[in-house]
Amino acid sequence: MKKGWHKYLVYLSLIFLVFALYRANYLQIPTVHSWGHIVLSFAFLFAGFLAQVWTWFTVLKQSNYPINYPTALAGTGLSVFTKFIPGKIMIIVGRAAYAAEAYGYTVGKLSSLSLNTQLIALWSGLTTGTIGLFFLEGFGQWRWLIIGLFVFLSILIFNTRANKLVEMILSKMLKKNINLPQLKPSIVVKILPIFFIYWLCWATAFYFLAKGLSLSPNISFLSGLSFPLATTLGIMAIIAPGGIGVREGILVGCLTLSGVAPAEAATISVSSRLWFFVGESFIFILGWIVDRLRTKNVTTEIAQETV
């Protein structure tokens, strides 16, 4: 694979990002009622992105493909907008390609671990969000979808025999060999708390965002837990790039269940796209800075060796 190809992937993702956001018309600045809550929301949002990098760093370490945190940060940050490329698979490949190039690992193996990381993230996000939905008494209308996704992800992550069965079925359906990665259950259980940490950071961030944009007394932390659920289902939506439209619709439904007026729920939901985009830009810029510093250091080392 051509060295540095992931950089072209970054450029392509930025093109699709601009197109997707322009078409959806989500770049609208809302009215802020409490700047204190907004500041807190961004603090937890940024912390969640840093914790997400930590999950990738930890999965590779536990799988005997160790990298340092700055490399995990650069790879994750530079790949954050590749989710807008149709197919969504590039966000999985992007961070894997960066780490593989930096450490000389096999891209295919790291891509499998990246997919495994994504599956665990979806499982933990679905679990976190379902807790809030259950207490909001909205589980009934979503139960079969959530239970189905939960069981499917659990099988892929924890059950080796079922995992092989799914591999066989998909291979026959697609008429090509499919290899679904799987970490040992003991390793998954060990690293799960990190995944819950970043989802809880984002749930708290959305709670403070809603408080900052609303005068409603019905905003509770349970409303914040709707964000992991909406984000998870948005990621799993195949058609919408980056989950645009899907996540917002689910957030409106959950906020309405908590007692927020539909119009206000819609405002918070739509505003969350711009808010989350700021968080994605934060991790992208941070990743770009780390990448520049890393490239500069490598260039300096090569120059010193040739002297």
Protein backbone atom coordinates (compact mmCIF):
# COMPACT_ATOMS: atom_id res chain seq x y z
CA MET A 1 0.00 0.00 0.00
CA LYS A 2 1.32 3.39 -0.99
CA LYS A 3 2.96 5.26 1.86
CA GLY A 4 1.03 8.31 3.05
CA TRP A 5 -2.15 7.35 1.21
CA HIS A 6 -4.21 8.10 4.30
CA LYS A 7 -3.47 11.81 3.79
CA TYR A 8 -5.43 11.75 0.54
CA LEU A 9 -8.21 10.06 2.50
CA VAL A 10 -8.26 13.06 4.84
CA TYR A 11 -8.59 15.51 1.94
CA LEU A 12 -11.41 13.45 0.43
CA SER A 13 -13.23 13.30 3.76
CA LEU A 14 -13.09 17.10 4.11
CA ILE A 15 -14.71 17.48 0.69
CA PHE A 16 -17.55 15.14 1.64
CA LEU A 17 -17.87 16.90 5.03
CA VAL A 18 -18.43 20.32 3.47
CA PHE A 19 -20.93 18.88 0.99
CA ALA A 20 -22.86 16.98 3.67
CA LEU A 21 -23.12 19.90 6.08
CA TYR A 22 -24.05 22.36 3.34
CA ARG A 23 -26.78 20.07 2.02
CA ALA A 24 -28.18 19.44 5.51
CA ASN A 25 -28.03 23.16 6.45
CA TYR A 26 -27.03 22.41 10.04
CA LEU A 27 -24.47 25.20 10.44
CA GLN A 28 -26.82 27.52 12.33
CA ILE A 29 -25.85 29.28 15.54
CA PRO A 30 -28.62 28.90 18.18
CA THR A 31 -29.68 31.28 20.95
CA VAL A 32 -27.72 30.61 24.14
CA HIS A 33 -29.47 31.00 27.51
CA SER A 34 -26.56 29.94 29.74
CA TRP A 35 -22.96 30.32 28.61
CA GLY A 36 -21.75 28.58 31.76
CA HIS A 37 -23.51 25.39 30.74
CA ILE A 38 -22.24 25.74 27.16
CA VAL A 39 -18.63 26.02 28.36
CA LEU A 40 -19.09 22.91 30.50
CA SER A 41 -20.61 21.08 27.55
CA PHE A 42 -17.55 21.73 25.40
CA ALA A 43 -15.21 20.72 28.22
CA PHE A 44 -16.89 17.32 28.51
CA LEU A 45 -17.20 17.01 24.74
CA PHE A 46 -13.46 17.50 24.24
CA ALA A 47 -12.72 15.14 27.14
CA GLY A 48 -14.89 12.52 25.45
CA PHE A 49 -12.89 12.75 22.23
CA LEU A 50 -9.62 12.34 24.15
CA ALA A 51 -11.11 9.32 25.95
CA GLN A 52 -12.14 7.88 22.58
CA VAL A 53 -8.49 8.07 21.47
CA TRP A 54 -7.64 6.25 24.67
CA THR A 55 -9.87 3.31 23.63
CA TRP A 56 -7.95 2.88 20.34
CA PHE A 57 -4.63 3.19 22.15
CA THR A 58 -5.69 0.58 24.72
CA VAL A 59 -7.08 -1.93 22.19
CA LEU A 60 -3.79 -1.91 20.28
CA LYS A 61 -1.78 -2.24 23.48
CA GLN A 62 -3.87 -5.19 24.70
CA SER A 63 -3.56 -6.82 21.26
CA ASN A 64 0.25 -6.65 21.28
CA TYR A 65 0.40 -3.86 18.70
CA PRO A 66 1.48 -1.05 21.01
CA ILE A 67 1.71 2.55 19.82
CA ASN A 68 2.14 5.73 21.82
CA TYR A 69 -0.81 7.98 22.66
CA PRO A 70 0.25 10.84 20.34
CA THR A 71 0.20 8.45 17.37
CA ALA A 72 -3.25 7.21 18.39
CA LEU A 73 -4.36 10.83 18.71
CA ALA A 74 -3.01 11.84 15.30
CA GLY A 75 -4.51 8.81 13.55
CA THR A 76 -7.91 9.24 15.19
CA GLY A 77 -8.00 13.01 14.71
CA LEU A 78 -7.02 13.00 11.06
CA SER A 79 -9.57 10.27 10.33
CA VAL A 80 -12.51 11.79 12.21
CA PHE A 81 -14.18 13.27 9.11
CA THR A 82 -13.78 10.16 6.95
CA LYS A 83 -17.15 9.00 8.33
CA PHE A 84 -18.75 11.36 5.81
CA ILE A 85 -17.33 9.34 2.90
CA PRO A 86 -20.09 7.01 1.65
CA GLY A 87 -19.73 3.51 3.05
CA LYS A 88 -18.26 4.75 6.37
CA ILE A 89 -15.59 2.04 6.31
CA MET A 90 -12.82 4.59 5.81
CA ILE A 91 -13.03 5.87 9.38
CA ILE A 92 -12.04 2.35 10.43
CA VAL A 93 -9.24 2.05 7.89
CA GLY A 94 -7.90 5.58 8.34
CA ARG A 95 -6.62 5.34 11.91
CA ALA A 96 -5.37 1.81 11.25
CA ALA A 97 -3.38 2.95 8.21
CA TYR A 98 -1.81 5.80 10.17
CA ALA A 99 -0.68 3.54 13.03
CA ALA A 100 0.51 0.85 10.59
CA GLU A 101 2.65 3.32 8.68
CA ALA A 102 4.09 4.84 11.85
CA TYR A 103 5.09 1.50 13.40
CA GLY A 104 5.49 -0.82 10.43
CA TYR A 105 2.50 -2.98 11.33
CA THR A 106 0.17 -4.70 8.85
CA VAL A 107 -2.70 -2.47 7.78
CA GLY A 108 -5.06 -5.42 7.44
CA LYS A 109 -4.55 -6.58 11.01
CA LEU A 110 -4.89 -3.11 12.49
CA SER A 111 -7.99 -2.52 10.37
CA SER A 112 -9.52 -5.64 11.94
CA LEU A 113 -8.70 -4.31 15.40
CA SER A 114 -10.12 -0.92 14.43
CA LEU A 115 -13.37 -2.60 13.38
CA ASN A 116 -13.41 -4.50 16.65
CA THR A 117 -12.94 -1.22 18.51
CA GLN A 118 -15.88 0.24 16.62
CA LEU A 119 -18.10 -2.74 17.44
CA ILE A 120 -17.30 -2.43 21.15
CA ALA A 121 -17.97 1.32 20.97
CA LEU A 122 -21.37 0.68 19.39
CA TRP A 123 -22.23 -1.97 21.99
CA SER A 124 -21.25 0.23 24.94
CA GLY A 125 -22.98 3.28 23.43
CA LEU A 126 -26.16 1.31 22.83
CA THR A 127 -26.03 0.02 26.41
CA THR A 128 -25.48 3.49 27.88
CA GLY A 129 -28.23 5.08 25.80
CA THR A 130 -30.75 2.32 26.48
CA ILE A 131 -30.48 2.95 30.22
CA GLY A 132 -31.69 6.51 29.69
CA LEU A 133 -34.42 5.42 27.29
CA PHE A 134 -35.67 2.86 29.79
CA PHE A 135 -36.10 5.45 32.54
CA LEU A 136 -37.73 7.86 30.09
CA GLU A 137 -40.32 5.15 29.48
CA GLY A 138 -39.57 5.12 25.77
CA PHE A 139 -38.03 1.68 25.59
CA GLY A 140 -41.30 0.02 24.53
CA GLN A 141 -41.50 1.57 21.08
CA TRP A 142 -37.81 0.93 20.36
CA ARG A 143 -37.33 -2.38 22.16
CA TRP A 144 -37.18 -4.78 19.20
CA LEU A 145 -34.70 -2.68 17.27
CA ILE A 146 -32.50 -2.14 20.33
CA ILE A 147 -32.68 -5.75 21.49
CA GLY A 148 -31.87 -6.98 17.99
CA LEU A 149 -28.85 -4.70 17.63
CA PHE A 150 -27.69 -5.47 21.16
CA VAL A 151 -27.84 -9.24 20.59
CA PHE A 152 -26.13 -8.97 17.20
CA LEU A 153 -23.26 -6.85 18.54
CA SER A 154 -22.90 -9.09 21.61
CA ILE A 155 -22.56 -12.11 19.35
CA LEU A 156 -19.88 -10.46 17.23
CA ILE A 157 -17.92 -9.29 20.26
CA PHE A 158 -18.24 -12.09 22.82
CA ASN A 159 -19.30 -15.38 21.20
CA THR A 160 -16.59 -17.10 19.15
CA ARG A 161 -18.80 -19.82 17.63
CA ALA A 162 -21.56 -17.42 16.72
CA ASN A 163 -18.96 -15.06 15.28
CA LYS A 164 -17.72 -17.85 12.97
CA LEU A 165 -21.30 -18.65 11.98
CA VAL A 166 -21.95 -15.02 11.02
CA GLU A 167 -18.67 -15.06 9.06
CA MET A 168 -19.83 -18.15 7.15
CA ILE A 169 -23.29 -16.70 6.39
CA LEU A 170 -21.87 -13.38 5.21
CA SER A 171 -19.23 -15.15 3.12
CA LYS A 172 -21.93 -17.15 1.31
CA MET A 173 -24.16 -14.13 0.84
CA LEU A 174 -21.37 -11.91 -0.47
CA LYS A 175 -19.55 -14.77 -2.23
CA LYS A 176 -16.18 -13.89 -0.76
CA ASN A 177 -14.26 -14.66 2.41
CA ILE A 178 -15.31 -12.46 5.32
CA ASN A 179 -13.15 -12.23 8.43
CA LEU A 180 -14.85 -10.63 11.42
CA PRO A 181 -12.27 -9.69 14.06
CA GLN A 182 -12.74 -10.71 17.67
CA LEU A 183 -10.82 -9.86 20.82
CA LYS A 184 -10.76 -12.30 23.70
CA PRO A 185 -13.79 -11.73 25.98
CA SER A 186 -11.44 -11.26 28.93
CA ILE A 187 -9.72 -8.40 27.12
CA VAL A 188 -13.05 -6.84 26.11
CA VAL A 189 -14.29 -6.86 29.71
CA LYS A 190 -11.00 -5.33 30.84
CA ILE A 191 -11.18 -2.39 28.44
CA LEU A 192 -14.96 -1.78 28.53
CA PRO A 193 -14.77 0.84 31.34
CA ILE A 194 -12.79 3.12 29.04
CA PHE A 195 -15.52 2.96 26.42
CA PHE A 196 -18.19 3.78 29.01
CA ILE A 197 -16.08 6.72 30.19
CA TYR A 198 -16.10 8.39 26.81
CA TRP A 199 -19.81 7.79 26.28
CA LEU A 200 -20.59 9.22 29.71
CA CYS A 201 -18.41 12.24 28.92
CA TRP A 202 -20.47 12.85 25.78
CA ALA A 203 -23.75 12.22 27.61
CA THR A 204 -22.77 14.80 30.23
CA ALA A 205 -21.69 17.19 27.49
CA PHE A 206 -25.05 16.92 25.73
CA TYR A 207 -26.88 17.40 29.03
CA PHE A 208 -25.04 20.71 29.60
CA LEU A 209 -25.64 21.71 25.97
CA ALA A 210 -29.38 21.16 26.38
CA LYS A 211 -29.32 23.14 29.65
CA GLY A 212 -27.49 25.97 27.93
CA LEU A 213 -29.92 26.18 25.00
CA SER A 214 -33.16 25.62 26.88
CA LEU A 215 -35.22 27.30 29.59
CA SER A 216 -37.18 24.10 30.18
CA PRO A 217 -37.07 22.67 33.73
CA ASN A 218 -37.42 19.15 32.29
CA ILE A 219 -33.79 18.81 31.16
CA SER A 220 -32.31 16.01 33.24
CA PHE A 221 -29.20 13.85 32.94
CA LEU A 222 -31.44 11.15 31.46
CA SER A 223 -31.87 13.51 28.52
CA GLY A 224 -28.09 13.48 28.17
CA LEU A 225 -28.05 9.69 27.93
CA SER A 226 -30.09 9.98 24.75
CA PHE A 227 -26.97 11.22 22.96
CA PRO A 228 -25.05 7.90 23.12
CA LEU A 229 -28.16 6.11 21.83
CA ALA A 230 -28.72 8.58 18.99
CA THR A 231 -25.06 8.62 18.03
CA THR A 232 -24.83 4.82 18.03
CA LEU A 233 -27.91 4.40 15.84
CA GLY A 234 -26.67 7.23 13.62
CA ILE A 235 -23.35 5.46 13.10
CA MET A 236 -25.15 2.23 12.24
CA ALA A 237 -27.36 4.00 9.69
CA ILE A 238 -26.04 2.89 6.33
CA ILE A 239 -27.51 5.54 4.04
CA ALA A 240 -26.95 8.81 5.91
CA PRO A 241 -23.33 10.09 5.76
CA GLY A 242 -22.05 10.43 9.32
CA GLY A 243 -25.56 9.76 10.60
CA ILE A 244 -26.78 13.19 9.50
CA GLY A 245 -30.54 13.35 10.05
CA VAL A 246 -30.78 10.05 11.91
CA ARG A 247 -29.15 11.24 15.11
CA GLU A 248 -31.16 14.45 15.18
CA GLY A 249 -34.47 12.63 14.77
CA ILE A 250 -33.74 10.27 17.65
CA LEU A 251 -32.63 13.15 19.89
CA VAL A 252 -35.89 14.99 19.24
CA GLY A 253 -37.87 11.88 20.19
CA CYS A 254 -35.91 11.31 23.42
CA LEU A 255 -36.02 14.96 24.49
CA THR A 256 -39.76 15.03 23.87
CA LEU A 257 -40.17 11.93 26.03
CA SER A 258 -38.39 13.75 28.86
CA GLY A 259 -40.93 16.57 28.69
CA VAL A 260 -39.20 19.12 26.47
CA ALA A 261 -41.48 20.93 24.02
CA PRO A 262 -41.14 19.54 20.46
CA ALA A 263 -40.01 22.88 18.97
CA GLU A 264 -37.35 23.34 21.64
CA ALA A 265 -36.26 19.71 21.32
CA ALA A 266 -35.83 20.24 17.58
CA THR A 267 -33.69 23.34 18.18
CA ILE A 268 -31.41 21.50 20.62
CA SER A 269 -31.17 18.52 18.32
CA VAL A 270 -30.24 20.49 15.22
CA SER A 271 -27.81 22.66 17.20
CA SER A 272 -26.06 19.54 18.47
CA ARG A 273 -24.74 18.91 14.95
CA LEU A 274 -22.78 22.19 14.92
CA TRP A 275 -21.75 21.61 18.54
CA PHE A 276 -20.42 18.13 17.80
CA PHE A 277 -18.75 19.42 14.66
CA VAL A 278 -16.75 21.82 16.87
CA GLY A 279 -15.67 18.79 18.93
CA GLU A 280 -14.67 16.90 15.79
CA SER A 281 -12.74 19.95 14.58
CA PHE A 282 -10.98 20.09 17.95
CA ILE A 283 -9.72 16.49 17.68
CA PHE A 284 -8.90 16.95 13.98
CA ILE A 285 -6.79 20.07 14.61
CA LEU A 286 -5.14 18.44 17.61
CA GLY A 287 -4.39 15.36 15.50
CA TRP A 288 -3.01 17.53 12.70
CA ILE A 289 -0.70 19.40 15.10
CA VAL A 290 0.58 16.14 16.58
CA ASP A 291 1.12 14.75 13.07
CA ARG A 292 3.09 17.85 12.05
CA LEU A 293 5.26 17.61 15.17
CA ARG A 294 5.80 13.90 14.61
CA THR A 295 6.75 14.44 10.95
CA LYS A 296 9.11 17.24 11.93
CA ASN A 297 10.81 15.04 14.53
CA VAL A 298 11.21 12.16 12.06
CA THR A 299 12.68 14.50 9.45
CA THR A 300 15.13 15.91 12.00
CA GLU A 301 16.22 12.40 13.05
CA ILE A 302 16.82 11.39 9.41
CA ALA A 303 18.83 14.56 8.79
CA GLN A 304 20.98 13.91 11.85
CA GLU A 305 21.64 10.33 10.78
CA THR A 306 22.87 11.45 7.33
CA VAL A 307 25.31 13.99 8.77
